[in-house]
Amino acid sequence: MYLYRPLWYSNSVIQLIKIKQMSSSNENQKGIENHKKIASHLEAAAQHHLAAAKHHEDGEHDKAAQSTIKAQGHFTLARDAQKEDVRHHALNVI
């Protein structure tokens, strides 16, 4: 990791650096998973909206309403996950 260690670096400082790098890696992985979750919910919402449009074209308005409600549910889940992601990024900037 280091070719040399400055004299003022104690073992506890080195431990803290290693812990920070590990937590950084864990937080990065959580961020990746959260972005994938957001994208998955948005894709599902889009599919349900497309299904709703198809049902309306076919005159099946009850099915269209059900698809619209499912789309709204996925959009809400995506929005909630996105809010959490924004909060996480805001805390890292401060």
Protein backbone atom coordinates (compact mmCIF):
# COMPACT_ATOMS: atom_id res chain seq x y z
CA MET A 1 0.00 0.00 0.00
CA TYR A 2 2.68 2.51 1.02
CA LEU A 3 6.32 2.39 0.02
CA TYR A 4 7.26 4.35 3.10
CA ARG A 5 5.45 5.60 6.17
CA PRO A 6 5.93 9.15 7.42
CA LEU A 7 7.19 9.32 10.99
CA TRP A 8 4.05 11.06 12.22
CA TYR A 9 1.82 8.18 11.02
CA SER A 10 0.98 6.02 13.98
CA ASN A 11 -0.46 2.54 13.67
CA SER A 12 -3.88 3.88 14.77
CA VAL A 13 -3.87 6.44 11.92
CA ILE A 14 -3.05 3.69 9.45
CA GLN A 15 -5.88 1.57 10.89
CA LEU A 16 -8.30 4.50 10.47
CA ILE A 17 -7.23 4.92 6.85
CA LYS A 18 -7.83 1.21 6.18
CA ILE A 19 -11.24 1.34 7.90
CA LYS A 20 -12.21 4.42 5.87
CA GLN A 21 -11.19 2.69 2.64
CA MET A 22 -13.26 -0.39 3.57
CA SER A 23 -16.33 1.69 4.50
CA SER A 24 -15.88 3.71 1.31
CA SER A 25 -15.95 0.49 -0.67
CA ASN A 26 -19.08 -0.70 1.15
CA GLU A 27 -20.82 2.64 0.62
CA ASN A 28 -19.87 2.56 -3.05
CA GLN A 29 -21.39 -0.91 -3.42
CA LYS A 30 -24.58 0.25 -1.68
CA GLY A 31 -24.73 3.21 -4.09
CA ILE A 32 -24.36 0.92 -7.10
CA GLU A 33 -27.11 -1.38 -5.85
CA ASN A 34 -29.36 1.61 -5.15
CA HIS A 35 -28.91 3.00 -8.68
CA LYS A 36 -29.75 -0.41 -10.13
CA LYS A 37 -32.85 -0.61 -7.92
CA ILE A 38 -33.98 2.84 -9.09
CA ALA A 39 -33.46 1.90 -12.75
CA SER A 40 -35.31 -1.40 -12.29
CA HIS A 41 -38.35 0.35 -10.79
CA LEU A 42 -38.36 2.98 -13.53
CA GLU A 43 -38.19 0.29 -16.23
CA ALA A 44 -41.07 -1.57 -14.58
CA ALA A 45 -43.10 1.66 -14.39
CA ALA A 46 -42.50 2.28 -18.09
CA GLN A 47 -43.60 -1.27 -18.98
CA HIS A 48 -46.81 -0.87 -16.97
CA HIS A 49 -47.52 2.47 -18.67
CA LEU A 50 -47.04 0.82 -22.07
CA ALA A 51 -49.40 -1.97 -21.00
CA ALA A 52 -51.95 0.63 -19.85
CA ALA A 53 -51.79 2.35 -23.24
CA LYS A 54 -52.32 -1.00 -25.00
CA HIS A 55 -55.28 -1.83 -22.75
CA HIS A 56 -56.84 1.56 -23.51
CA GLU A 57 -56.40 0.92 -27.25
CA ASP A 58 -58.13 -2.43 -26.81
CA GLY A 59 -60.97 -0.82 -24.87
CA GLU A 60 -60.03 -2.67 -21.65
CA HIS A 61 -60.11 0.35 -19.37
CA ASP A 62 -60.22 -1.63 -16.11
CA LYS A 63 -56.99 -3.40 -17.05
CA ALA A 64 -55.52 -0.04 -18.06
CA ALA A 65 -56.38 1.35 -14.64
CA GLN A 66 -54.69 -1.62 -12.93
CA SER A 67 -51.56 -1.15 -15.03
CA THR A 68 -51.53 2.56 -14.24
CA ILE A 69 -51.70 1.85 -10.50
CA LYS A 70 -48.83 -0.66 -10.81
CA ALA A 71 -46.80 1.92 -12.74
CA GLN A 72 -47.43 4.53 -10.05
CA GLY A 73 -46.30 2.07 -7.36
CA HIS A 74 -43.01 1.39 -9.13
CA PHE A 75 -42.47 5.09 -9.75
CA THR A 76 -43.03 5.80 -6.04
CA LEU A 77 -40.51 3.11 -5.07
CA ALA A 78 -37.98 4.57 -7.53
CA ARG A 79 -38.55 8.09 -6.22
CA ASP A 80 -38.07 6.96 -2.60
CA ALA A 81 -34.82 5.17 -3.46
CA GLN A 82 -33.65 8.23 -5.39
CA LYS A 83 -34.34 10.51 -2.42
CA GLU A 84 -32.18 8.24 -0.27
CA ASP A 85 -29.41 8.36 -2.87
CA VAL A 86 -29.53 12.16 -3.04
CA ARG A 87 -29.39 12.34 0.77
CA HIS A 88 -26.35 10.07 0.76
CA HIS A 89 -24.56 12.19 -1.85
CA ALA A 90 -25.45 15.42 -0.03
CA LEU A 91 -23.96 14.09 3.23
CA ASN A 92 -20.74 13.16 1.42
CA VAL A 93 -20.40 16.64 -0.06
CA ILE A 94 -20.85 18.49 3.24
